[in-house]
């Protein structure tokens, strides 16, 4: 049975197709238990393409106990 995807889900599917290595890392970070507890990036702009992705991925990582750290930027999440 095919279901109608929400725009948010369609957008995520589009990005997954374009960034398979990123998706592999994200899947490993959100597995139970996660394969690692820290992702180190140069800047968040290289990790996320827009604010929608930023919020989505940061929440999912934090929920699974994985920290996202940039060596050039601070991340302030309340």
PDB file of N, CA and C in Angstrom:
ATOM      1  N   UNK A   1       0.831  -1.175   0.000  1.00  0.00           N
ATOM      2  CA  UNK A   1       0.000   0.000   0.000  1.00  0.00           C
ATOM      3  C   UNK A   1       0.885   1.251   0.000  1.00  0.00           C
ATOM      4  N   UNK A   2       0.661   2.117  -0.900  1.00  0.00           N
ATOM      5  CA  UNK A   2       1.439   3.349  -0.997  1.00  0.00           C
ATOM      6  C   UNK A   2       0.737   4.442  -0.206  1.00  0.00           C
ATOM      7  N   UNK A   3       1.515   5.168   0.565  1.00  0.00           N
ATOM      8  CA  UNK A   3       0.925   6.259   1.332  1.00  0.00           C
ATOM      9  C   UNK A   3       1.442   7.586   0.802  1.00  0.00           C
ATOM     10  N   UNK A   4       0.682   8.622   1.036  1.00  0.00           N
ATOM     11  CA  UNK A   4       1.100   9.959   0.627  1.00  0.00           C
ATOM     12  C   UNK A   4       2.137  10.477   1.602  1.00  0.00           C
ATOM     13  N   UNK A   5       3.258  10.912   1.070  1.00  0.00           N
ATOM     14  CA  UNK A   5       4.320  11.457   1.908  1.00  0.00           C
ATOM     15  C   UNK A   5       4.093  12.938   2.153  1.00  0.00           C
ATOM     16  N   UNK A   6       4.414  13.348   3.343  1.00  0.00           N
ATOM     17  CA  UNK A   6       4.342  14.763   3.690  1.00  0.00           C
ATOM     18  C   UNK A   6       5.509  15.495   3.030  1.00  0.00           C
ATOM     19  N   UNK A   7       5.379  16.801   2.796  1.00  0.00           N
ATOM     20  CA  UNK A   7       6.475  17.552   2.179  1.00  0.00           C
ATOM     21  C   UNK A   7       7.796  17.394   2.917  1.00  0.00           C
ATOM     22  N   UNK A   8       7.737  17.340   4.226  1.00  0.00           N
ATOM     23  CA  UNK A   8       8.947  17.165   5.039  1.00  0.00           C
ATOM     24  C   UNK A   8       9.634  15.835   4.712  1.00  0.00           C
ATOM     25  N   UNK A   9       8.856  14.779   4.590  1.00  0.00           N
ATOM     26  CA  UNK A   9       9.408  13.461   4.268  1.00  0.00           C
ATOM     27  C   UNK A   9       9.976  13.423   2.851  1.00  0.00           C
ATOM     28  N   UNK A  10       9.291  14.061   1.919  1.00  0.00           N
ATOM     29  CA  UNK A  10       9.787  14.117   0.545  1.00  0.00           C
ATOM     30  C   UNK A  10      11.123  14.842   0.469  1.00  0.00           C
ATOM     31  N   UNK A  11      11.234  15.895   1.216  1.00  0.00           N
ATOM     32  CA  UNK A  11      12.477  16.668   1.227  1.00  0.00           C
ATOM     33  C   UNK A  11      13.625  15.838   1.776  1.00  0.00           C
ATOM     34  N   UNK A  12      13.375  15.103   2.848  1.00  0.00           N
ATOM     35  CA  UNK A  12      14.414  14.256   3.420  1.00  0.00           C
ATOM     36  C   UNK A  12      14.831  13.159   2.450  1.00  0.00           C
ATOM     37  N   UNK A  13      13.884  12.568   1.751  1.00  0.00           N
ATOM     38  CA  UNK A  13      14.220  11.550   0.763  1.00  0.00           C
ATOM     39  C   UNK A  13      15.092  12.121  -0.347  1.00  0.00           C
ATOM     40  N   UNK A  14      14.783  13.331  -0.765  1.00  0.00           N
ATOM     41  CA  UNK A  14      15.582  13.978  -1.806  1.00  0.00           C
ATOM     42  C   UNK A  14      17.019  14.160  -1.340  1.00  0.00           C
ATOM     43  N   UNK A  15      17.204  14.651  -0.105  1.00  0.00           N
ATOM     44  CA  UNK A  15      18.556  14.875   0.397  1.00  0.00           C
ATOM     45  C   UNK A  15      19.296  13.562   0.620  1.00  0.00           C
ATOM     46  N   UNK A  16      18.614  12.523   1.006  1.00  0.00           N
ATOM     47  CA  UNK A  16      19.268  11.228   1.196  1.00  0.00           C
ATOM     48  C   UNK A  16      19.864  10.719  -0.105  1.00  0.00           C
ATOM     49  N   UNK A  17      19.161  10.924  -1.180  1.00  0.00           N
ATOM     50  CA  UNK A  17      19.654  10.453  -2.472  1.00  0.00           C
ATOM     51  C   UNK A  17      20.897  11.207  -2.910  1.00  0.00           C
ATOM     52  N   UNK A  18      20.999  12.437  -2.537  1.00  0.00           N
ATOM     53  CA  UNK A  18      22.125  13.253  -2.970  1.00  0.00           C
ATOM     54  C   UNK A  18      23.335  13.131  -2.058  1.00  0.00           C
ATOM     55  N   UNK A  19      23.169  12.601  -0.860  1.00  0.00           N
ATOM     56  CA  UNK A  19      24.267  12.536   0.105  1.00  0.00           C
ATOM     57  C   UNK A  19      24.304  11.166   0.791  1.00  0.00           C
ATOM     58  N   UNK A  20      24.616  10.114   0.052  1.00  0.00           N
ATOM     59  CA  UNK A  20      24.559   8.776   0.644  1.00  0.00           C
ATOM     60  C   UNK A  20      25.549   8.567   1.795  1.00  0.00           C
ATOM     61  N   UNK A  21      26.735   9.153   1.734  1.00  0.00           N
ATOM     62  CA  UNK A  21      27.698   8.978   2.823  1.00  0.00           C
ATOM     63  C   UNK A  21      27.209   9.674   4.085  1.00  0.00           C
ATOM     64  N   UNK A  22      26.599  10.836   3.916  1.00  0.00           N
ATOM     65  CA  UNK A  22      26.028  11.545   5.054  1.00  0.00           C
ATOM     66  C   UNK A  22      24.927  10.704   5.687  1.00  0.00           C
ATOM     67  N   UNK A  23      24.072  10.129   4.861  1.00  0.00           N
ATOM     68  CA  UNK A  23      22.976   9.327   5.389  1.00  0.00           C
ATOM     69  C   UNK A  23      23.490   8.095   6.120  1.00  0.00           C
ATOM     70  N   UNK A  24      24.543   7.488   5.609  1.00  0.00           N
ATOM     71  CA  UNK A  24      25.140   6.336   6.284  1.00  0.00           C
ATOM     72  C   UNK A  24      25.635   6.738   7.675  1.00  0.00           C
ATOM     73  N   UNK A  25      26.311   7.894   7.778  1.00  0.00           N
ATOM     74  CA  UNK A  25      26.801   8.375   9.061  1.00  0.00           C
ATOM     75  C   UNK A  25      25.630   8.685   9.994  1.00  0.00           C
ATOM     76  N   UNK A  26      24.607   9.332   9.467  1.00  0.00           N
ATOM     77  CA  UNK A  26      23.459   9.691  10.293  1.00  0.00           C
ATOM     78  C   UNK A  26      22.744   8.443  10.804  1.00  0.00           C
ATOM     79  N   UNK A  27      22.596   7.455   9.958  1.00  0.00           N
ATOM     80  CA  UNK A  27      21.961   6.198  10.377  1.00  0.00           C
ATOM     81  C   UNK A  27      22.768   5.526  11.483  1.00  0.00           C
ATOM     82  N   UNK A  28      24.090   5.540  11.364  1.00  0.00           N
ATOM     83  CA  UNK A  28      24.948   4.947  12.400  1.00  0.00           C
ATOM     84  C   UNK A  28      24.831   5.731  13.710  1.00  0.00           C
ATOM     85  N   UNK A  29      24.679   7.051  13.624  1.00  0.00           N
ATOM     86  CA  UNK A  29      24.569   7.893  14.818  1.00  0.00           C
ATOM     87  C   UNK A  29      23.224   7.745  15.509  1.00  0.00           C
ATOM     88  N   UNK A  30      22.198   7.360  14.761  1.00  0.00           N
ATOM     89  CA  UNK A  30      20.866   7.241  15.354  1.00  0.00           C
ATOM     90  C   UNK A  30      20.460   5.790  15.608  1.00  0.00           C
ATOM     91  N   UNK A  31      21.395   4.868  15.397  1.00  0.00           N
ATOM     92  CA  UNK A  31      21.126   3.461  15.707  1.00  0.00           C
ATOM     93  C   UNK A  31      21.094   3.287  17.226  1.00  0.00           C
ATOM     94  N   UNK A  32      20.530   2.198  17.664  1.00  0.00           N
ATOM     95  CA  UNK A  32      20.491   1.868  19.096  1.00  0.00           C
ATOM     96  C   UNK A  32      21.365   0.650  19.362  1.00  0.00           C
ATOM     97  N   UNK A  33      22.474   0.775  20.037  1.00  0.00           N
ATOM     98  CA  UNK A  33      23.142   1.998  20.485  1.00  0.00           C
ATOM     99  C   UNK A  33      23.859   2.666  19.319  1.00  0.00           C
ATOM    100  N   UNK A  34      24.157   3.972  19.458  1.00  0.00           N
ATOM    101  CA  UNK A  34      24.840   4.670  18.367  1.00  0.00           C
ATOM    102  C   UNK A  34      26.261   4.138  18.180  1.00  0.00           C
ATOM    103  N   UNK A  35      26.754   4.193  16.953  1.00  0.00           N
ATOM    104  CA  UNK A  35      28.103   3.719  16.647  1.00  0.00           C
ATOM    105  C   UNK A  35      29.166   4.642  17.238  1.00  0.00           C
ATOM    106  N   UNK A  36      28.799   5.881  17.546  1.00  0.00           N
ATOM    107  CA  UNK A  36      29.713   6.860  18.130  1.00  0.00           C
ATOM    108  C   UNK A  36      28.874   7.896  18.861  1.00  0.00           C
ATOM    109  N   UNK A  37      29.521   8.722  19.691  1.00  0.00           N
ATOM    110  CA  UNK A  37      28.756   9.700  20.473  1.00  0.00           C
ATOM    111  C   UNK A  37      29.106  11.144  20.145  1.00  0.00           C
ATOM    112  N   UNK A  38      29.920  11.353  19.090  1.00  0.00           N
ATOM    113  CA  UNK A  38      30.330  12.701  18.723  1.00  0.00           C
ATOM    114  C   UNK A  38      30.541  12.790  17.215  1.00  0.00           C
ATOM    115  N   UNK A  39      30.038  13.874  16.627  1.00  0.00           N
ATOM    116  CA  UNK A  39      30.322  14.192  15.230  1.00  0.00           C
ATOM    117  C   UNK A  39      31.024  15.534  15.240  1.00  0.00           C
ATOM    118  N   UNK A  40      32.221  15.584  14.685  1.00  0.00           N
ATOM    119  CA  UNK A  40      33.033  16.786  14.647  1.00  0.00           C
ATOM    120  C   UNK A  40      33.042  17.341  13.226  1.00  0.00           C
ATOM    121  N   UNK A  41      32.653  18.606  13.091  1.00  0.00           N
ATOM    122  CA  UNK A  41      32.613  19.245  11.769  1.00  0.00           C
ATOM    123  C   UNK A  41      33.426  20.528  11.797  1.00  0.00           C
ATOM    124  N   UNK A  42      33.858  20.963  10.616  1.00  0.00           N
ATOM    125  CA  UNK A  42      34.553  22.242  10.523  1.00  0.00           C
ATOM    126  C   UNK A  42      33.562  23.373  10.771  1.00  0.00           C
ATOM    127  N   UNK A  43      32.489  23.391  10.017  1.00  0.00           N
ATOM    128  CA  UNK A  43      31.441  24.389  10.229  1.00  0.00           C
ATOM    129  C   UNK A  43      30.092  23.742   9.941  1.00  0.00           C
ATOM    130  N   UNK A  44      29.066  24.257  10.577  1.00  0.00           N
ATOM    131  CA  UNK A  44      27.729  23.690  10.399  1.00  0.00           C
ATOM    132  C   UNK A  44      27.231  23.842   8.974  1.00  0.00           C
ATOM    133  N   UNK A  45      27.709  24.856   8.265  1.00  0.00           N
ATOM    134  CA  UNK A  45      27.250  25.053   6.889  1.00  0.00           C
ATOM    135  C   UNK A  45      27.679  23.910   5.975  1.00  0.00           C
ATOM    136  N   UNK A  46      28.723  23.206   6.313  1.00  0.00           N
ATOM    137  CA  UNK A  46      29.158  22.057   5.532  1.00  0.00           C
ATOM    138  C   UNK A  46      28.364  20.803   5.904  1.00  0.00           C
ATOM    139  N   UNK A  47      27.749  20.818   7.065  1.00  0.00           N
ATOM    140  CA  UNK A  47      26.994  19.663   7.544  1.00  0.00           C
ATOM    141  C   UNK A  47      25.525  19.763   7.144  1.00  0.00           C
ATOM    142  N   UNK A  48      24.947  20.968   7.227  1.00  0.00           N
ATOM    143  CA  UNK A  48      23.539  21.193   6.931  1.00  0.00           C
ATOM    144  C   UNK A  48      23.410  22.117   5.747  1.00  0.00           C
ATOM    145  N   UNK A  49      22.372  21.910   4.988  1.00  0.00           N
ATOM    146  CA  UNK A  49      22.142  22.759   3.822  1.00  0.00           C
ATOM    147  C   UNK A  49      21.202  23.927   4.125  1.00  0.00           C
ATOM    148  N   UNK A  50      20.351  23.792   5.140  1.00  0.00           N
ATOM    149  CA  UNK A  50      19.427  24.870   5.492  1.00  0.00           C
ATOM    150  C   UNK A  50      18.941  24.688   6.926  1.00  0.00           C
ATOM    151  N   UNK A  51      18.154  25.651   7.406  1.00  0.00           N
ATOM    152  CA  UNK A  51      17.665  25.622   8.779  1.00  0.00           C
ATOM    153  C   UNK A  51      16.773  24.418   9.060  1.00  0.00           C
ATOM    154  N   UNK A  52      15.986  24.018   8.095  1.00  0.00           N
ATOM    155  CA  UNK A  52      15.119  22.851   8.279  1.00  0.00           C
ATOM    156  C   UNK A  52      15.962  21.628   8.615  1.00  0.00           C
ATOM    157  N   UNK A  53      16.983  21.378   7.819  1.00  0.00           N
ATOM    158  CA  UNK A  53      17.857  20.231   8.065  1.00  0.00           C
ATOM    159  C   UNK A  53      18.562  20.374   9.402  1.00  0.00           C
ATOM    160  N   UNK A  54      19.040  21.569   9.680  1.00  0.00           N
ATOM    161  CA  UNK A  54      19.770  21.804  10.916  1.00  0.00           C
ATOM    162  C   UNK A  54      18.953  21.358  12.124  1.00  0.00           C
ATOM    163  N   UNK A  55      17.737  21.895  12.236  1.00  0.00           N
ATOM    164  CA  UNK A  55      16.884  21.548  13.377  1.00  0.00           C
ATOM    165  C   UNK A  55      16.550  20.069  13.432  1.00  0.00           C
ATOM    166  N   UNK A  56      16.207  19.501  12.294  1.00  0.00           N
ATOM    167  CA  UNK A  56      15.844  18.087  12.243  1.00  0.00           C
ATOM    168  C   UNK A  56      16.989  17.194  12.715  1.00  0.00           C
ATOM    169  N   UNK A  57      18.160  17.379  12.133  1.00  0.00           N
ATOM    170  CA  UNK A  57      19.277  16.502  12.449  1.00  0.00           C
ATOM    171  C   UNK A  57      19.813  16.717  13.857  1.00  0.00           C
ATOM    172  N   UNK A  58      19.905  17.950  14.300  1.00  0.00           N
ATOM    173  CA  UNK A  58      20.402  18.210  15.654  1.00  0.00           C
ATOM    174  C   UNK A  58      19.490  17.565  16.694  1.00  0.00           C
ATOM    175  N   UNK A  59      18.188  17.692  16.523  1.00  0.00           N
ATOM    176  CA  UNK A  59      17.250  17.069  17.482  1.00  0.00           C
ATOM    177  C   UNK A  59      17.373  15.552  17.480  1.00  0.00           C
ATOM    178  N   UNK A  60      17.452  14.954  16.300  1.00  0.00           N
ATOM    179  CA  UNK A  60      17.560  13.490  16.218  1.00  0.00           C
ATOM    180  C   UNK A  60      18.859  12.992  16.842  1.00  0.00           C
ATOM    181  N   UNK A  61      19.959  13.702  16.598  1.00  0.00           N
ATOM    182  CA  UNK A  61      21.242  13.300  17.179  1.00  0.00           C
ATOM    183  C   UNK A  61      21.216  13.439  18.695  1.00  0.00           C
ATOM    184  N   UNK A  62      20.736  14.575  19.182  1.00  0.00           N
ATOM    185  CA  UNK A  62      20.691  14.807  20.631  1.00  0.00           C
ATOM    186  C   UNK A  62      19.799  13.785  21.319  1.00  0.00           C
ATOM    187  N   UNK A  63      18.709  13.437  20.695  1.00  0.00           N
ATOM    188  CA  UNK A  63      17.781  12.449  21.265  1.00  0.00           C
ATOM    189  C   UNK A  63      18.463  11.095  21.464  1.00  0.00           C
ATOM    190  N   UNK A  64      19.458  10.808  20.627  1.00  0.00           N
ATOM    191  CA  UNK A  64      20.174   9.538  20.722  1.00  0.00           C
ATOM    192  C   UNK A  64      21.509   9.665  21.468  1.00  0.00           C
ATOM    193  N   UNK A  65      21.758  10.833  22.061  1.00  0.00           N
ATOM    194  CA  UNK A  65      22.963  11.023  22.859  1.00  0.00           C
ATOM    195  C   UNK A  65      24.224  11.321  22.061  1.00  0.00           C
ATOM    196  N   UNK A  66      24.071  11.755  20.823  1.00  0.00           N
ATOM    197  CA  UNK A  66      25.222  12.067  19.971  1.00  0.00           C
ATOM    198  C   UNK A  66      25.375  13.587  19.908  1.00  0.00           C
ATOM    199  N   UNK A  67      26.568  14.055  20.245  1.00  0.00           N
ATOM    200  CA  UNK A  67      26.852  15.494  20.218  1.00  0.00           C
ATOM    201  C   UNK A  67      27.368  15.900  18.854  1.00  0.00           C
ATOM    202  N   UNK A  68      26.998  17.100  18.444  1.00  0.00           N
ATOM    203  CA  UNK A  68      27.487  17.688  17.201  1.00  0.00           C
ATOM    204  C   UNK A  68      28.350  18.878  17.589  1.00  0.00           C
ATOM    205  N   UNK A  69      29.621  18.852  17.192  1.00  0.00           N
ATOM    206  CA  UNK A  69      30.559  19.902  17.585  1.00  0.00           C
ATOM    207  C   UNK A  69      31.229  20.459  16.341  1.00  0.00           C
ATOM    208  N   UNK A  70      31.270  21.781  16.251  1.00  0.00           N
ATOM    209  CA  UNK A  70      31.975  22.470  15.168  1.00  0.00           C
ATOM    210  C   UNK A  70      33.260  23.059  15.736  1.00  0.00           C
ATOM    211  N   UNK A  71      34.331  22.996  14.976  1.00  0.00           N
ATOM    212  CA  UNK A  71      35.584  23.562  15.475  1.00  0.00           C
ATOM    213  C   UNK A  71      35.661  25.063  15.228  1.00  0.00           C
ATOM    214  N   UNK A  72      34.718  25.622  14.438  1.00  0.00           N
ATOM    215  CA  UNK A  72      34.745  27.050  14.141  1.00  0.00           C
ATOM    216  C   UNK A  72      33.520  27.803  14.619  1.00  0.00           C
ATOM    217  N   UNK A  73      32.475  27.105  15.083  1.00  0.00           N
ATOM    218  CA  UNK A  73      31.233  27.773  15.487  1.00  0.00           C
ATOM    219  C   UNK A  73      30.702  27.150  16.761  1.00  0.00           C
ATOM    220  N   UNK A  74      30.002  27.964  17.532  1.00  0.00           N
ATOM    221  CA  UNK A  74      29.331  27.456  18.724  1.00  0.00           C
ATOM    222  C   UNK A  74      27.888  27.106  18.381  1.00  0.00           C
ATOM    223  N   UNK A  75      27.372  26.103  19.061  1.00  0.00           N
ATOM    224  CA  UNK A  75      25.984  25.702  18.868  1.00  0.00           C
ATOM    225  C   UNK A  75      25.255  25.934  20.188  1.00  0.00           C
ATOM    226  N   UNK A  76      24.290  26.804  20.171  1.00  0.00           N
ATOM    227  CA  UNK A  76      23.530  27.124  21.392  1.00  0.00           C
ATOM    228  C   UNK A  76      22.119  26.565  21.238  1.00  0.00           C
ATOM    229  N   UNK A  77      21.866  25.466  21.916  1.00  0.00           N
ATOM    230  CA  UNK A  77      20.535  24.860  21.907  1.00  0.00           C
ATOM    231  C   UNK A  77      19.987  24.922  23.320  1.00  0.00           C
ATOM    232  N   UNK A  78      18.827  25.535  23.479  1.00  0.00           N
ATOM    233  CA  UNK A  78      18.252  25.664  24.830  1.00  0.00           C
ATOM    234  C   UNK A  78      17.902  24.316  25.421  1.00  0.00           C
TER     235      UNK A  78
END
